[in-house]
PDB file of N, CA and C in Angstrom:
ATOM      1  N   MET A   1     120.871 129.316 206.854  1.00  0.00           N
ATOM      2  CA  MET A   1     120.026 130.472 207.065  1.00  0.00           C
ATOM      3  C   MET A   1     119.017 130.569 205.923  1.00  0.00           C
ATOM      4  N   LYS A   2     117.792 130.865 206.252  1.00  0.00           N
ATOM      5  CA  LYS A   2     116.740 130.971 205.257  1.00  0.00           C
ATOM      6  C   LYS A   2     116.173 132.389 205.267  1.00  0.00           C
ATOM      7  N   LEU A   3     115.997 132.944 204.061  1.00  0.00           N
ATOM      8  CA  LEU A   3     115.429 134.284 203.956  1.00  0.00           C
ATOM      9  C   LEU A   3     113.958 134.270 204.341  1.00  0.00           C
ATOM     10  N   GLN A   4     113.508 135.311 204.986  1.00  0.00           N
ATOM     11  CA  GLN A   4     112.099 135.428 205.360  1.00  0.00           C
ATOM     12  C   GLN A   4     111.216 135.601 204.122  1.00  0.00           C
ATOM     13  N   SER A   5     111.715 136.367 203.147  1.00  0.00           N
ATOM     14  CA  SER A   5     110.963 136.564 201.909  1.00  0.00           C
ATOM     15  C   SER A   5     111.956 136.630 200.756  1.00  0.00           C
ATOM     16  N   PRO A   6     111.502 136.243 199.554  1.00  0.00           N
ATOM     17  CA  PRO A   6     112.421 136.283 198.419  1.00  0.00           C
ATOM     18  C   PRO A   6     112.860 137.708 198.117  1.00  0.00           C
ATOM     19  N   GLY A   7     114.042 137.830 197.558  1.00  0.00           N
ATOM     20  CA  GLY A   7     114.558 139.137 197.189  1.00  0.00           C
ATOM     21  C   GLY A   7     113.855 139.693 195.970  1.00  0.00           C
ATOM     22  N   LYS A   8     114.097 140.947 195.722  1.00  0.00           N
ATOM     23  CA  LYS A   8     113.509 141.625 194.571  1.00  0.00           C
ATOM     24  C   LYS A   8     114.189 141.136 193.302  1.00  0.00           C
ATOM     25  N   SER A   9     113.404 140.867 192.264  1.00  0.00           N
ATOM     26  CA  SER A   9     113.945 140.414 191.002  1.00  0.00           C
ATOM     27  C   SER A   9     114.757 141.531 190.353  1.00  0.00           C
ATOM     28  N   THR A  10     115.924 141.165 189.834  1.00  0.00           N
ATOM     29  CA  THR A  10     116.753 142.153 189.155  1.00  0.00           C
ATOM     30  C   THR A  10     116.544 142.102 187.644  1.00  0.00           C
ATOM     31  N   SER A  11     115.845 141.077 187.169  1.00  0.00           N
ATOM     32  CA  SER A  11     115.587 140.936 185.745  1.00  0.00           C
ATOM     33  C   SER A  11     114.168 141.376 185.438  1.00  0.00           C
ATOM     34  N   LYS A  12     114.015 142.237 184.444  1.00  0.00           N
ATOM     35  CA  LYS A  12     112.682 142.698 184.082  1.00  0.00           C
ATOM     36  C   LYS A  12     112.055 141.822 183.020  1.00  0.00           C
ATOM     37  N   VAL A  13     112.865 141.000 182.354  1.00  0.00           N
ATOM     38  CA  VAL A  13     112.348 140.044 181.375  1.00  0.00           C
ATOM     39  C   VAL A  13     113.153 138.755 181.496  1.00  0.00           C
ATOM     40  N   GLU A  14     112.427 137.636 181.495  1.00  0.00           N
ATOM     41  CA  GLU A  14     113.072 136.334 181.613  1.00  0.00           C
ATOM     42  C   GLU A  14     112.254 135.311 180.843  1.00  0.00           C
ATOM     43  N   VAL A  15     112.898 134.574 179.962  1.00  0.00           N
ATOM     44  CA  VAL A  15     112.246 133.452 179.292  1.00  0.00           C
ATOM     45  C   VAL A  15     112.234 132.317 180.308  1.00  0.00           C
ATOM     46  N   THR A  16     111.049 131.889 180.693  1.00  0.00           N
ATOM     47  CA  THR A  16     110.940 130.886 181.753  1.00  0.00           C
ATOM     48  C   THR A  16     110.767 129.473 181.230  1.00  0.00           C
ATOM     49  N   GLN A  17     110.275 129.353 179.984  1.00  0.00           N
ATOM     50  CA  GLN A  17     110.073 128.018 179.422  1.00  0.00           C
ATOM     51  C   GLN A  17     109.990 128.098 177.904  1.00  0.00           C
ATOM     52  N   ILE A  18     110.550 127.086 177.247  1.00  0.00           N
ATOM     53  CA  ILE A  18     110.399 126.924 175.809  1.00  0.00           C
ATOM     54  C   ILE A  18     109.795 125.540 175.612  1.00  0.00           C
ATOM     55  N   SER A  19     108.621 125.495 174.998  1.00  0.00           N
ATOM     56  CA  SER A  19     107.930 124.230 174.773  1.00  0.00           C
ATOM     57  C   SER A  19     107.835 123.969 173.272  1.00  0.00           C
ATOM     58  N   PRO A  20     107.344 122.810 172.864  1.00  0.00           N
ATOM     59  CA  PRO A  20     107.148 122.558 171.434  1.00  0.00           C
ATOM     60  C   PRO A  20     106.130 123.502 170.795  1.00  0.00           C
ATOM     61  N   ASN A  21     105.334 124.185 171.617  1.00  0.00           N
ATOM     62  CA  ASN A  21     104.290 125.071 171.109  1.00  0.00           C
ATOM     63  C   ASN A  21     104.636 126.551 171.153  1.00  0.00           C
ATOM     64  N   GLY A  22     105.649 126.921 171.945  1.00  0.00           N
ATOM     65  CA  GLY A  22     105.978 128.333 172.043  1.00  0.00           C
ATOM     66  C   GLY A  22     106.858 128.647 173.237  1.00  0.00           C
ATOM     67  N   ILE A  23     106.841 129.921 173.587  1.00  0.00           N
ATOM     68  CA  ILE A  23     107.728 130.461 174.618  1.00  0.00           C
ATOM     69  C   ILE A  23     106.904 131.098 175.730  1.00  0.00           C
ATOM     70  N   TRP A  24     107.314 130.864 176.966  1.00  0.00           N
ATOM     71  CA  TRP A  24     106.754 131.548 178.131  1.00  0.00           C
ATOM     72  C   TRP A  24     107.780 132.561 178.597  1.00  0.00           C
ATOM     73  N   ALA A  25     107.340 133.798 178.813  1.00  0.00           N
ATOM     74  CA  ALA A  25     108.244 134.837 179.304  1.00  0.00           C
ATOM     75  C   ALA A  25     107.611 135.575 180.470  1.00  0.00           C
ATOM     76  N   LEU A  26     108.437 135.918 181.435  1.00  0.00           N
ATOM     77  CA  LEU A  26     108.021 136.713 182.579  1.00  0.00           C
ATOM     78  C   LEU A  26     108.548 138.118 182.356  1.00  0.00           C
ATOM     79  N   ILE A  27     107.622 139.068 182.215  1.00  0.00           N
ATOM     80  CA  ILE A  27     107.982 140.449 181.910  1.00  0.00           C
ATOM     81  C   ILE A  27     107.440 141.343 183.015  1.00  0.00           C
ATOM     82  N   LYS A  28     108.348 141.920 183.783  1.00  0.00           N
ATOM     83  CA  LYS A  28     107.982 142.792 184.905  1.00  0.00           C
ATOM     84  C   LYS A  28     106.911 142.150 185.778  1.00  0.00           C
ATOM     85  N   GLY A  29     107.095 140.860 186.080  1.00  0.00           N
ATOM     86  CA  GLY A  29     106.202 140.149 186.975  1.00  0.00           C
ATOM     87  C   GLY A  29     104.948 139.580 186.337  1.00  0.00           C
ATOM     88  N   GLU A  30     104.746 139.789 185.051  1.00  0.00           N
ATOM     89  CA  GLU A  30     103.561 139.287 184.349  1.00  0.00           C
ATOM     90  C   GLU A  30     103.995 138.227 183.334  1.00  0.00           C
ATOM     91  N   GLU A  31     103.277 137.100 183.315  1.00  0.00           N
ATOM     92  CA  GLU A  31     103.655 135.995 182.438  1.00  0.00           C
ATOM     93  C   GLU A  31     102.901 136.055 181.112  1.00  0.00           C
ATOM     94  N   PHE A  32     103.634 135.799 180.022  1.00  0.00           N
ATOM     95  CA  PHE A  32     103.065 135.824 178.677  1.00  0.00           C
ATOM     96  C   PHE A  32     103.476 134.566 177.929  1.00  0.00           C
ATOM     97  N   PHE A  33     102.568 134.081 177.061  1.00  0.00           N
ATOM     98  CA  PHE A  33     102.873 132.954 176.183  1.00  0.00           C
ATOM     99  C   PHE A  33     102.891 133.451 174.749  1.00  0.00           C
ATOM    100  N   MET A  34     103.950 133.115 174.030  1.00  0.00           N
ATOM    101  CA  MET A  34     104.072 133.464 172.614  1.00  0.00           C
ATOM    102  C   MET A  34     104.127 132.164 171.832  1.00  0.00           C
ATOM    103  N   SER A  35     103.014 131.831 171.190  1.00  0.00           N
ATOM    104  CA  SER A  35     102.979 130.583 170.430  1.00  0.00           C
ATOM    105  C   SER A  35     103.803 130.727 169.161  1.00  0.00           C
ATOM    106  N   PHE A  36     104.372 129.613 168.700  1.00  0.00           N
ATOM    107  CA  PHE A  36     105.136 129.642 167.458  1.00  0.00           C
ATOM    108  C   PHE A  36     104.226 129.937 166.265  1.00  0.00           C
ATOM    109  N   GLU A  37     102.961 129.613 166.385  1.00  0.00           N
ATOM    110  CA  GLU A  37     102.015 129.909 165.309  1.00  0.00           C
ATOM    111  C   GLU A  37     101.850 131.422 165.136  1.00  0.00           C
ATOM    112  N   GLU A  38     101.750 132.134 166.246  1.00  0.00           N
ATOM    113  CA  GLU A  38     101.565 133.589 166.190  1.00  0.00           C
ATOM    114  C   GLU A  38     102.886 134.356 166.121  1.00  0.00           C
ATOM    115  N   PHE A  39     103.968 133.733 166.582  1.00  0.00           N
ATOM    116  CA  PHE A  39     105.285 134.358 166.609  1.00  0.00           C
ATOM    117  C   PHE A  39     106.302 133.407 165.963  1.00  0.00           C
ATOM    118  N   PRO A  40     106.217 133.225 164.651  1.00  0.00           N
ATOM    119  CA  PRO A  40     107.026 132.204 163.969  1.00  0.00           C
ATOM    120  C   PRO A  40     108.526 132.480 163.967  1.00  0.00           C
ATOM    121  N   TRP A  41     108.943 133.683 164.293  1.00  0.00           N
ATOM    122  CA  TRP A  41     110.360 134.030 164.299  1.00  0.00           C
ATOM    123  C   TRP A  41     111.163 133.190 165.270  1.00  0.00           C
ATOM    124  N   PHE A  42     110.502 132.663 166.285  1.00  0.00           N
ATOM    125  CA  PHE A  42     111.206 131.922 167.328  1.00  0.00           C
ATOM    126  C   PHE A  42     111.277 130.417 167.079  1.00  0.00           C
ATOM    127  N   GLN A  43     110.499 129.914 166.160  1.00  0.00           N
ATOM    128  CA  GLN A  43     110.356 128.467 165.988  1.00  0.00           C
ATOM    129  C   GLN A  43     111.671 127.755 165.689  1.00  0.00           C
ATOM    130  N   ASN A  44     112.517 128.322 164.873  1.00  0.00           N
ATOM    131  CA  ASN A  44     113.781 127.671 164.524  1.00  0.00           C
ATOM    132  C   ASN A  44     114.985 128.303 165.204  1.00  0.00           C
ATOM    133  N   ALA A  45     114.734 129.172 166.164  1.00  0.00           N
ATOM    134  CA  ALA A  45     115.820 129.820 166.904  1.00  0.00           C
ATOM    135  C   ALA A  45     116.422 128.849 167.917  1.00  0.00           C
ATOM    136  N   THR A  46     117.663 129.098 168.264  1.00  0.00           N
ATOM    137  CA  THR A  46     118.296 128.279 169.295  1.00  0.00           C
ATOM    138  C   THR A  46     117.805 128.728 170.672  1.00  0.00           C
ATOM    139  N   VAL A  47     118.000 127.878 171.640  1.00  0.00           N
ATOM    140  CA  VAL A  47     117.637 128.213 173.017  1.00  0.00           C
ATOM    141  C   VAL A  47     118.391 129.470 173.458  1.00  0.00           C
ATOM    142  N   ALA A  48     119.672 129.535 173.140  1.00  0.00           N
ATOM    143  CA  ALA A  48     120.477 130.707 173.519  1.00  0.00           C
ATOM    144  C   ALA A  48     119.945 131.981 172.876  1.00  0.00           C
ATOM    145  N   GLN A  49     119.555 131.917 171.609  1.00  0.00           N
ATOM    146  CA  GLN A  49     119.016 133.102 170.929  1.00  0.00           C
ATOM    147  C   GLN A  49     117.722 133.575 171.581  1.00  0.00           C
ATOM    148  N   ILE A  50     116.871 132.644 171.962  1.00  0.00           N
ATOM    149  CA  ILE A  50     115.594 132.998 172.589  1.00  0.00           C
ATOM    150  C   ILE A  50     115.821 133.619 173.963  1.00  0.00           C
ATOM    151  N   HIS A  51     116.783 133.102 174.686  1.00  0.00           N
ATOM    152  CA  HIS A  51     117.043 133.620 176.033  1.00  0.00           C
ATOM    153  C   HIS A  51     117.729 134.982 176.035  1.00  0.00           C
ATOM    154  N   ARG A  52     118.363 135.356 174.938  1.00  0.00           N
ATOM    155  CA  ARG A  52     119.038 136.667 174.874  1.00  0.00           C
ATOM    156  C   ARG A  52     118.040 137.739 174.451  1.00  0.00           C
ATOM    157  N   VAL A  53     117.225 138.150 175.396  1.00  0.00           N
ATOM    158  CA  VAL A  53     116.202 139.174 175.160  1.00  0.00           C
ATOM    159  C   VAL A  53     116.427 140.320 176.136  1.00  0.00           C
ATOM    160  N   ASN A  54     116.175 141.516 175.670  1.00  0.00           N
ATOM    161  CA  ASN A  54     116.299 142.705 176.516  1.00  0.00           C
ATOM    162  C   ASN A  54     114.973 143.454 176.528  1.00  0.00           C
ATOM    163  N   LEU A  55     114.697 144.062 177.665  1.00  0.00           N
ATOM    164  CA  LEU A  55     113.536 144.941 177.794  1.00  0.00           C
ATOM    165  C   LEU A  55     114.056 146.372 177.760  1.00  0.00           C
ATOM    166  N   LEU A  56     113.670 147.095 176.723  1.00  0.00           N
ATOM    167  CA  LEU A  56     114.123 148.467 176.543  1.00  0.00           C
ATOM    168  C   LEU A  56     112.993 149.433 176.873  1.00  0.00           C
ATOM    169  N   HIS A  57     113.292 150.464 177.605  1.00  0.00           N
ATOM    170  CA  HIS A  57     112.332 151.521 177.953  1.00  0.00           C
ATOM    171  C   HIS A  57     111.098 150.981 178.676  1.00  0.00           C
ATOM    172  N   GLY A  58     111.186 149.777 179.223  1.00  0.00           N
ATOM    173  CA  GLY A  58     110.087 149.193 179.987  1.00  0.00           C
ATOM    174  C   GLY A  58     108.927 148.677 179.158  1.00  0.00           C
ATOM    175  N   THR A  59     108.983 148.845 177.842  1.00  0.00           N
ATOM    176  CA  THR A  59     107.842 148.454 177.003  1.00  0.00           C
ATOM    177  C   THR A  59     108.232 147.739 175.714  1.00  0.00           C
ATOM    178  N   HIS A  60     109.507 147.626 175.447  1.00  0.00           N
ATOM    179  CA  HIS A  60     109.978 147.143 174.150  1.00  0.00           C
ATOM    180  C   HIS A  60     110.891 145.938 174.343  1.00  0.00           C
ATOM    181  N   LEU A  61     110.506 144.788 173.771  1.00  0.00           N
ATOM    182  CA  LEU A  61     111.334 143.590 173.826  1.00  0.00           C
ATOM    183  C   LEU A  61     112.202 143.525 172.588  1.00  0.00           C
ATOM    184  N   ARG A  62     113.481 143.190 172.779  1.00  0.00           N
ATOM    185  CA  ARG A  62     114.420 143.151 171.655  1.00  0.00           C
ATOM    186  C   ARG A  62     115.253 141.881 171.720  1.00  0.00           C
ATOM    187  N   TRP A  63     115.145 141.064 170.654  1.00  0.00           N
ATOM    188  CA  TRP A  63     115.982 139.900 170.451  1.00  0.00           C
ATOM    189  C   TRP A  63     116.949 140.276 169.328  1.00  0.00           C
ATOM    190  N   ALA A  64     118.102 140.826 169.667  1.00  0.00           N
ATOM    191  CA  ALA A  64     119.043 141.331 168.659  1.00  0.00           C
ATOM    192  C   ALA A  64     119.541 140.214 167.748  1.00  0.00           C
ATOM    193  N   ASP A  65     119.821 139.040 168.306  1.00  0.00           N
ATOM    194  CA  ASP A  65     120.318 137.919 167.503  1.00  0.00           C
ATOM    195  C   ASP A  65     119.332 137.494 166.422  1.00  0.00           C
ATOM    196  N   LEU A  66     118.047 137.693 166.687  1.00  0.00           N
ATOM    197  CA  LEU A  66     116.997 137.257 165.756  1.00  0.00           C
ATOM    198  C   LEU A  66     116.403 138.417 164.965  1.00  0.00           C
ATOM    199  N   ASP A  67     116.835 139.633 165.266  1.00  0.00           N
ATOM    200  CA  ASP A  67     116.297 140.845 164.655  1.00  0.00           C
ATOM    201  C   ASP A  67     114.776 140.913 164.842  1.00  0.00           C
ATOM    202  N   VAL A  68     114.341 140.655 166.081  1.00  0.00           N
ATOM    203  CA  VAL A  68     112.921 140.673 166.436  1.00  0.00           C
ATOM    204  C   VAL A  68     112.701 141.739 167.497  1.00  0.00           C
ATOM    205  N   ASP A  69     111.715 142.592 167.255  1.00  0.00           N
ATOM    206  CA  ASP A  69     111.304 143.630 168.196  1.00  0.00           C
ATOM    207  C   ASP A  69     109.808 143.506 168.424  1.00  0.00           C
ATOM    208  N   LEU A  70     109.392 143.505 169.678  1.00  0.00           N
ATOM    209  CA  LEU A  70     107.967 143.438 170.022  1.00  0.00           C
ATOM    210  C   LEU A  70     107.661 144.433 171.128  1.00  0.00           C
ATOM    211  N   HIS A  71     106.529 145.066 171.034  1.00  0.00           N
ATOM    212  CA  HIS A  71     106.051 145.939 172.103  1.00  0.00           C
ATOM    213  C   HIS A  71     105.293 145.059 173.096  1.00  0.00           C
ATOM    214  N   VAL A  72     105.506 145.267 174.375  1.00  0.00           N
ATOM    215  CA  VAL A  72     104.839 144.452 175.397  1.00  0.00           C
ATOM    216  C   VAL A  72     103.324 144.513 175.235  1.00  0.00           C
ATOM    217  N   ASP A  73     102.788 145.672 174.850  1.00  0.00           N
ATOM    218  CA  ASP A  73     101.341 145.794 174.660  1.00  0.00           C
ATOM    219  C   ASP A  73     100.832 144.839 173.582  1.00  0.00           C
ATOM    220  N   SER A  74     101.673 144.506 172.602  1.00  0.00           N
ATOM    221  CA  SER A  74     101.235 143.576 171.562  1.00  0.00           C
ATOM    222  C   SER A  74     101.004 142.178 172.119  1.00  0.00           C
ATOM    223  N   LEU A  75     101.673 141.828 173.206  1.00  0.00           N
ATOM    224  CA  LEU A  75     101.446 140.532 173.842  1.00  0.00           C
ATOM    225  C   LEU A  75     100.141 140.532 174.632  1.00  0.00           C
ATOM    226  N   LYS A  76      99.754 141.693 175.135  1.00  0.00           N
ATOM    227  CA  LYS A  76      98.514 141.819 175.894  1.00  0.00           C
ATOM    228  C   LYS A  76      97.309 141.951 174.979  1.00  0.00           C
ATOM    229  N   ASN A  77      97.494 142.572 173.821  1.00  0.00           N
ATOM    230  CA  ASN A  77      96.390 142.876 172.896  1.00  0.00           C
ATOM    231  C   ASN A  77      96.786 142.497 171.477  1.00  0.00           C
ATOM    232  N   LEU A  78      96.990 141.212 171.246  1.00  0.00           N
ATOM    233  CA  LEU A  78      97.476 140.728 169.957  1.00  0.00           C
ATOM    234  C   LEU A  78      96.595 141.163 168.792  1.00  0.00           C
ATOM    235  N   GLU A  79      95.293 141.265 169.022  1.00  0.00           N
ATOM    236  CA  GLU A  79      94.365 141.635 167.944  1.00  0.00           C
ATOM    237  C   GLU A  79      94.599 143.058 167.428  1.00  0.00           C
ATOM    238  N   LYS A  80      95.210 143.903 168.235  1.00  0.00           N
ATOM    239  CA  LYS A  80      95.496 145.284 167.827  1.00  0.00           C
ATOM    240  C   LYS A  80      96.763 145.397 166.982  1.00  0.00           C
ATOM    241  N   TYR A  81      97.554 144.335 166.969  1.00  0.00           N
ATOM    242  CA  TYR A  81      98.847 144.358 166.291  1.00  0.00           C
ATOM    243  C   TYR A  81      98.945 143.204 165.294  1.00  0.00           C
ATOM    244  N   PRO A  82      98.389 143.367 164.113  1.00  0.00           N
ATOM    245  CA  PRO A  82      98.511 142.287 163.148  1.00  0.00           C
ATOM    246  C   PRO A  82      99.984 142.083 162.785  1.00  0.00           C
ATOM    247  N   LEU A  83     100.418 140.851 162.908  1.00  0.00           N
ATOM    248  CA  LEU A  83     101.813 140.545 162.634  1.00  0.00           C
ATOM    249  C   LEU A  83     101.980 140.072 161.192  1.00  0.00           C
ATOM    250  N   MET A  84     103.128 140.394 160.633  1.00  0.00           N
ATOM    251  CA  MET A  84     103.421 139.973 159.284  1.00  0.00           C
ATOM    252  C   MET A  84     104.749 139.274 159.288  1.00  0.00           C
ATOM    253  N   TYR A  85     104.753 138.054 158.801  1.00  0.00           N
ATOM    254  CA  TYR A  85     105.969 137.256 158.755  1.00  0.00           C
ATOM    255  C   TYR A  85     106.417 137.133 157.312  1.00  0.00           C
ATOM    256  N   ILE A  86     107.635 137.542 157.052  1.00  0.00           N
ATOM    257  CA  ILE A  86     108.204 137.439 155.716  1.00  0.00           C
ATOM    258  C   ILE A  86     109.422 136.538 155.815  1.00  0.00           C
ATOM    259  N   SER A  87     109.387 135.457 155.096  1.00  0.00           N
ATOM    260  CA  SER A  87     110.525 134.511 155.173  1.00  0.00           C
ATOM    261  C   SER A  87     111.542 134.779 154.099  1.00  0.00           C
TER     262      SER A  87
END
């Protein structure tokens, strides 16, 4: 039996790809790319750590294992959110 149309997604955030250059994530149906150059917190993370992301309040991404928090708007308007990386 084949479904006439795909079902509704139950996940509001999903990491769809990890490449040598960064991460692709699908957030509420919209795809975003986070390069390791602009988001260095993910560069040395494990695949499991990157995939364990939660969307809180519909606007806040949280990677608890990595202690990383990002607002979805910062992915849309990176120039408005200067990032600071402290190693």
